[in-house]
Amino acid sequence: MSDIVICEFMDEAAITEGLRGFDYVYDPNLVDHPNELNARLRDARAIIVRNRTQVRGALLDAAPNLKAVGRLGVGLDNIDLEACKKRHIAVLPASGANDLSVAEYVITSAMMLLRGAYMATGSVVAGKWPRNTLIGREISGKVMGLVGFGSIARLTAKLAAAMGMKVVAFDPLVDDAAFAEAGVQRQTLENLLALADVVSLHVPLNDKTRNMIDTSALSRMRSDAILINAARGGVVDETAVAAALKAKKLGGAALDVFVEEPLKASNAFADVPNLILTPHIAGVTVESNTRVSWVTVENVKKALSA
């Protein structure tokens, strides 16, 4: 049986070159076949996952020799951290490796939704010329509000400032020095929601952040504001966002993460205007996939060699 099991996609060069000399199995479809995955883990000392594999319960019971969980990304809500700690299993996120991809996603989404001109292809092809209805807004001079001020948010702040935006942020866990160093104005969440032209979420999913952007929070935002969630599904109330967009109480939204992934066919977003939905891809580019994969490989190798 294999020493390292890789059950979601990653850069193959990082596997073949970085794991040379290790006994491994790489099958990105294993995540969809839990019984086969559990069987593969019988003798494994490490597993490498993205966000879909649930590292908890039956999986951990099926892997009695597990020493390391390599996470191809930074979110850890699919991993039972307490159970791993009790079993002395190292949990190894690829911290920092996909920051730029997410930050660029936020800025791109903000620009697309503020400008409002980039979903007109069908109309133009059909011979229509909707110029008057597609006069949008510039990003320069707008206020970017960052909810959470970790490494991705700080890079987003840098890119936003370079576009001429004023940046404000909320994070009760970050000291004033970090805000001052970044040139970002600290605000309460309530003030940020009221001030921002663009609200971008950068928080983990936990009991304090679950549905933090609900009907009440949306009511405090400007009616033409843009909401971007490339953090974690469950941080926003999806039904409330859809309703706000339909009622024109929100200017637009870009959602990359959802409570349930993939979405069910009967979801809240059908026929919702000014909405961009993407399949949990904000942190995945060709470049970031390479960085994340190599960081994870090196993390796992170090853990297995300890």
Protein backbone atom coordinates (compact mmCIF):
# COMPACT_ATOMS: atom_id res chain seq x y z
CA MET A 1 0.00 0.00 0.00
CA SER A 2 1.07 3.61 -0.54
CA ASP A 3 2.85 5.78 2.01
CA ILE A 4 1.26 9.01 0.67
CA VAL A 5 -2.26 9.24 -0.75
CA ILE A 6 -3.18 12.24 -2.93
CA CYS A 7 -6.92 12.34 -3.53
CA GLU A 8 -7.48 15.74 -5.18
CA PHE A 9 -5.81 17.48 -8.10
CA MET A 10 -2.40 19.10 -7.82
CA ASP A 11 0.59 19.95 -9.99
CA GLU A 12 1.93 16.66 -11.32
CA ALA A 13 5.54 17.85 -11.57
CA ALA A 14 5.51 18.53 -7.84
CA ILE A 15 4.46 14.92 -7.35
CA THR A 16 6.83 13.18 -9.75
CA GLU A 17 9.84 15.34 -8.91
CA GLY A 18 9.12 16.37 -5.32
CA LEU A 19 8.03 12.95 -4.11
CA ARG A 20 10.69 10.97 -5.93
CA GLY A 21 11.70 8.10 -3.68
CA PHE A 22 8.38 8.01 -1.83
CA ASP A 23 5.68 5.40 -2.37
CA TYR A 24 2.60 7.39 -3.33
CA VAL A 25 -0.72 7.08 -5.15
CA TYR A 26 -2.18 10.04 -7.03
CA ASP A 27 -5.81 9.82 -8.07
CA PRO A 28 -7.74 13.11 -8.05
CA ASN A 29 -11.00 11.17 -8.35
CA LEU A 30 -10.55 9.37 -5.03
CA VAL A 31 -12.34 12.21 -3.24
CA ASP A 32 -15.56 11.01 -4.89
CA HIS A 33 -15.03 7.38 -3.85
CA PRO A 34 -14.73 7.40 -0.03
CA ASN A 35 -14.70 3.61 0.38
CA GLU A 36 -11.80 3.23 -2.04
CA LEU A 37 -10.05 6.21 -0.46
CA ASN A 38 -10.37 4.71 3.02
CA ALA A 39 -8.99 1.40 1.77
CA ARG A 40 -5.99 3.22 0.26
CA LEU A 41 -5.30 4.88 3.61
CA ARG A 42 -4.84 1.65 5.58
CA ASP A 43 -1.04 1.93 5.63
CA ALA A 44 -0.61 5.58 4.61
CA ARG A 45 1.42 8.00 6.70
CA ALA A 46 0.22 11.10 4.82
CA ILE A 47 -2.76 12.32 2.83
CA ILE A 48 -2.81 15.39 0.56
CA VAL A 49 -6.20 17.07 0.06
CA ARG A 50 -7.90 20.23 -1.12
CA ASN A 51 -11.19 21.42 0.38
CA ARG A 52 -13.56 18.62 -0.65
CA THR A 53 -12.06 15.71 1.26
CA GLN A 54 -13.52 15.49 4.76
CA VAL A 55 -10.61 14.59 7.02
CA ARG A 56 -12.62 13.45 10.01
CA GLY A 57 -14.50 10.47 11.41
CA ALA A 58 -14.39 7.43 9.15
CA LEU A 59 -11.42 8.67 7.16
CA LEU A 60 -9.26 9.11 10.26
CA ASP A 61 -10.39 5.73 11.60
CA ALA A 62 -9.32 4.16 8.29
CA ALA A 63 -5.80 5.63 8.56
CA PRO A 64 -4.23 4.40 11.83
CA ASN A 65 -0.69 5.26 10.69
CA LEU A 66 -1.44 8.80 9.53
CA LYS A 67 1.18 11.36 10.55
CA ALA A 68 0.44 14.31 8.23
CA VAL A 69 -2.38 16.01 6.33
CA GLY A 70 -1.10 18.22 3.54
CA ARG A 71 -3.70 20.87 2.65
CA LEU A 72 -3.50 22.28 -0.88
CA GLY A 73 -4.71 25.68 0.28
CA VAL A 74 -5.29 27.41 3.61
CA GLY A 75 -8.88 26.75 4.71
CA LEU A 76 -9.13 24.03 7.34
CA ASP A 77 -12.87 23.69 7.92
CA ASN A 78 -12.91 20.29 6.14
CA ILE A 79 -10.39 18.93 8.66
CA ASP A 80 -11.20 17.88 12.22
CA LEU A 81 -8.32 19.72 13.85
CA GLU A 82 -9.07 18.51 17.37
CA ALA A 83 -9.18 14.88 16.28
CA CYS A 84 -5.90 15.29 14.38
CA LYS A 85 -4.29 16.89 17.44
CA LYS A 86 -5.38 13.98 19.66
CA ARG A 87 -3.90 11.53 17.15
CA HIS A 88 -0.68 13.57 16.83
CA ILE A 89 -1.33 14.19 13.13
CA ALA A 90 0.31 17.31 11.70
CA VAL A 91 -2.07 19.51 9.66
CA LEU A 92 -0.07 21.42 7.04
CA PRO A 93 -1.75 24.25 5.09
CA ALA A 94 0.05 25.87 2.14
CA SER A 95 0.06 29.28 3.81
CA GLY A 96 0.64 32.21 1.47
CA ALA A 97 0.95 30.18 -1.73
CA ASN A 98 -2.35 31.27 -3.28
CA ASP A 99 -2.70 34.75 -1.76
CA LEU A 100 -2.08 36.56 -5.05
CA SER A 101 -4.63 34.49 -6.98
CA VAL A 102 -7.38 35.29 -4.47
CA ALA A 103 -6.44 38.97 -4.26
CA GLU A 104 -6.54 39.29 -8.06
CA TYR A 105 -9.91 37.52 -8.12
CA VAL A 106 -11.31 40.09 -5.69
CA ILE A 107 -10.06 43.07 -7.67
CA THR A 108 -11.19 41.59 -11.01
CA SER A 109 -14.66 40.82 -9.66
CA ALA A 110 -14.97 44.30 -8.20
CA MET A 111 -14.01 45.91 -11.50
CA MET A 112 -16.40 43.73 -13.51
CA LEU A 113 -19.36 44.39 -11.25
CA LEU A 114 -18.69 48.11 -10.85
CA ARG A 115 -18.27 48.61 -14.60
CA GLY A 116 -21.19 46.34 -15.50
CA ALA A 117 -20.31 46.07 -19.19
CA TYR A 118 -18.84 42.60 -19.39
CA MET A 119 -22.01 40.50 -19.55
CA ALA A 120 -23.32 42.07 -22.73
CA THR A 121 -21.82 39.61 -25.22
CA GLY A 122 -25.13 37.89 -25.96
CA SER A 123 -26.91 41.20 -26.57
CA VAL A 124 -24.15 42.54 -28.81
CA VAL A 125 -24.01 39.32 -30.84
CA ALA A 126 -27.79 39.56 -31.27
CA GLY A 127 -27.40 43.01 -32.83
CA LYS A 128 -28.47 45.01 -29.80
CA TRP A 129 -26.50 48.05 -28.65
CA PRO A 130 -27.30 48.64 -24.94
CA ARG A 131 -24.80 51.42 -24.31
CA ASN A 132 -27.07 53.57 -22.17
CA THR A 133 -27.90 50.73 -19.79
CA LEU A 134 -24.26 49.67 -19.42
CA ILE A 135 -22.70 52.90 -18.19
CA GLY A 136 -20.91 51.69 -15.10
CA ARG A 137 -18.55 53.01 -12.48
CA GLU A 138 -14.78 53.34 -12.12
CA ILE A 139 -12.97 51.55 -9.33
CA SER A 140 -10.67 54.50 -8.63
CA GLY A 141 -11.92 56.63 -5.76
CA LYS A 142 -14.15 53.89 -4.37
CA VAL A 143 -13.89 52.43 -0.85
CA MET A 144 -12.75 48.82 -0.45
CA GLY A 145 -13.94 47.28 2.82
CA LEU A 146 -12.08 44.17 3.94
CA VAL A 147 -13.75 41.97 6.54
CA GLY A 148 -10.79 40.13 8.01
CA PHE A 149 -7.24 41.39 7.64
CA GLY A 150 -4.98 38.38 7.21
CA SER A 151 -2.37 37.90 4.50
CA ILE A 152 -4.80 37.66 1.56
CA ALA A 153 -6.71 40.73 2.69
CA ARG A 154 -3.48 42.70 3.11
CA LEU A 155 -2.40 41.85 -0.43
CA THR A 156 -5.88 42.75 -1.67
CA ALA A 157 -5.51 46.09 0.12
CA LYS A 158 -2.22 46.72 -1.68
CA LEU A 159 -3.76 45.99 -5.10
CA ALA A 160 -6.85 48.06 -4.29
CA ALA A 161 -4.74 51.03 -3.23
CA ALA A 162 -2.78 50.75 -6.48
CA MET A 163 -6.11 51.10 -8.32
CA GLY A 164 -6.82 54.34 -6.47
CA MET A 165 -9.18 52.92 -3.88
CA LYS A 166 -9.40 53.94 -0.24
CA VAL A 167 -9.15 50.83 1.94
CA VAL A 168 -10.81 50.20 5.29
CA ALA A 169 -10.81 46.94 7.21
CA PHE A 170 -12.31 45.16 10.20
CA ASP A 171 -10.52 42.47 12.19
CA PRO A 172 -10.67 42.32 16.01
CA LEU A 173 -7.79 39.83 16.10
CA VAL A 174 -5.22 42.07 14.37
CA ASP A 175 -3.34 44.80 16.20
CA ASP A 176 -3.28 48.45 15.19
CA ALA A 177 0.32 48.25 13.97
CA ALA A 178 -0.65 45.96 11.08
CA PHE A 179 -3.29 48.43 9.91
CA ALA A 180 -0.89 51.35 10.19
CA GLU A 181 1.86 49.50 8.32
CA ALA A 182 -0.53 48.75 5.45
CA GLY A 183 -1.95 52.28 5.37
CA VAL A 184 -5.42 50.89 5.96
CA GLN A 185 -8.03 52.57 8.17
CA ARG A 186 -9.44 50.39 10.93
CA GLN A 187 -13.24 50.38 11.22
CA THR A 188 -15.94 48.56 13.12
CA LEU A 189 -17.90 46.07 11.04
CA GLU A 190 -20.98 48.30 11.15
CA ASN A 191 -19.07 51.35 9.89
CA LEU A 192 -17.30 49.34 7.21
CA LEU A 193 -20.57 48.00 5.81
CA ALA A 194 -22.00 51.51 5.65
CA LEU A 195 -18.90 53.07 4.07
CA ALA A 196 -17.70 50.53 1.52
CA ASP A 197 -18.45 50.50 -2.20
CA VAL A 198 -16.97 46.99 -2.26
CA VAL A 199 -17.12 44.58 0.68
CA SER A 200 -14.74 41.63 0.42
CA LEU A 201 -14.79 38.81 2.97
CA HIS A 202 -11.57 37.27 4.30
CA VAL A 203 -12.59 35.29 7.37
CA PRO A 204 -12.66 31.59 8.28
CA LEU A 205 -15.94 29.81 8.87
CA ASN A 206 -16.68 29.38 12.56
CA ASP A 207 -19.49 30.01 15.02
CA LYS A 208 -18.76 33.76 15.05
CA THR A 209 -18.62 34.20 11.27
CA ARG A 210 -21.39 31.85 10.12
CA ASN A 211 -24.01 33.96 8.27
CA MET A 212 -22.28 37.15 9.40
CA ILE A 213 -23.51 38.73 6.17
CA ASP A 214 -27.23 38.18 6.65
CA THR A 215 -30.32 40.26 5.94
CA SER A 216 -29.46 42.65 8.76
CA ALA A 217 -25.87 43.16 7.58
CA LEU A 218 -26.99 43.60 3.98
CA SER A 219 -29.46 46.28 5.08
CA ARG A 220 -26.54 48.32 6.46
CA MET A 221 -24.70 48.23 3.12
CA ARG A 222 -25.17 50.77 0.37
CA SER A 223 -27.78 49.75 -2.17
CA ASP A 224 -25.18 50.01 -4.96
CA ALA A 225 -22.41 48.21 -3.04
CA ILE A 226 -20.64 45.10 -4.32
CA LEU A 227 -20.22 41.99 -2.14
CA ILE A 228 -17.41 39.50 -2.78
CA ASN A 229 -16.98 36.21 -0.97
CA ALA A 230 -13.90 34.18 -1.86
CA ALA A 231 -13.40 33.08 1.75
CA ARG A 232 -15.71 30.29 2.91
CA GLY A 233 -19.23 29.17 2.14
CA GLY A 234 -21.54 29.82 5.05
CA VAL A 235 -20.10 33.23 5.87
CA VAL A 236 -22.94 34.77 3.85
CA ASP A 237 -26.62 33.92 3.93
CA GLU A 238 -27.03 32.91 0.29
CA THR A 239 -30.81 33.32 0.24
CA ALA A 240 -30.51 36.80 1.71
CA VAL A 241 -27.93 37.84 -0.91
CA ALA A 242 -30.11 36.56 -3.75
CA ALA A 243 -33.12 38.42 -2.35
CA ALA A 244 -31.16 41.66 -1.93
CA LEU A 245 -29.94 41.53 -5.53
CA LYS A 246 -33.43 40.84 -6.88
CA ALA A 247 -34.82 43.75 -4.84
CA LYS A 248 -31.98 46.03 -6.00
CA LYS A 249 -30.90 46.54 -2.40
CA LEU A 250 -27.39 45.36 -3.38
CA GLY A 251 -25.45 46.46 -6.44
CA GLY A 252 -23.82 43.15 -7.26
CA ALA A 253 -22.14 40.07 -5.82
CA ALA A 254 -19.38 37.64 -6.71
CA LEU A 255 -19.49 34.36 -4.81
CA ASP A 256 -16.81 31.72 -5.20
CA VAL A 257 -17.71 29.57 -2.18
CA PHE A 258 -21.00 28.09 -1.01
CA VAL A 259 -22.57 26.24 1.90
CA GLU A 260 -22.97 23.19 -0.32
CA GLU A 261 -20.56 22.52 -3.17
CA PRO A 262 -21.53 21.85 -5.93
CA LEU A 263 -24.80 23.77 -5.72
CA LYS A 264 -28.02 21.80 -5.94
CA ALA A 265 -30.14 22.40 -9.03
CA SER A 266 -32.80 24.00 -6.82
CA ASN A 267 -30.63 26.82 -5.45
CA ALA A 268 -31.43 30.43 -4.64
CA PHE A 269 -29.51 32.01 -7.53
CA ALA A 270 -31.62 31.34 -10.61
CA ASP A 271 -32.35 34.54 -12.56
CA VAL A 272 -30.57 36.75 -10.02
CA PRO A 273 -29.12 39.92 -11.65
CA ASN A 274 -25.61 41.36 -11.28
CA LEU A 275 -24.25 38.09 -9.95
CA ILE A 276 -21.02 36.23 -10.65
CA LEU A 277 -20.77 32.64 -9.44
CA THR A 278 -17.55 30.64 -9.72
CA PRO A 279 -16.77 27.07 -8.54
CA HIS A 280 -14.40 27.64 -5.59
CA ILE A 281 -11.64 28.62 -7.99
CA ALA A 282 -10.46 32.03 -6.71
CA GLY A 283 -7.28 30.60 -5.24
CA VAL A 284 -6.49 28.29 -8.15
CA THR A 285 -4.49 29.57 -11.10
CA VAL A 286 -1.77 27.81 -13.08
CA GLU A 287 0.83 29.69 -11.07
CA SER A 288 -0.74 29.24 -7.65
CA ASN A 289 -1.39 25.55 -8.26
CA THR A 290 2.33 25.10 -8.83
CA ARG A 291 3.24 27.09 -5.70
CA VAL A 292 0.65 25.39 -3.50
CA SER A 293 1.63 21.94 -4.72
CA TRP A 294 5.34 22.42 -4.07
CA VAL A 295 4.77 23.98 -0.64
CA THR A 296 2.53 21.05 0.30
CA VAL A 297 4.99 18.45 -0.95
CA GLU A 298 7.81 20.02 1.03
CA ASN A 299 5.62 20.28 4.14
CA VAL A 300 4.64 16.62 3.95
CA LYS A 301 8.19 15.43 3.30
CA LYS A 302 9.44 17.38 6.30
CA ALA A 303 6.72 15.94 8.54
CA LEU A 304 7.43 12.37 7.44
CA SER A 305 11.15 12.84 7.97
CA ALA A 306 10.77 14.21 11.52
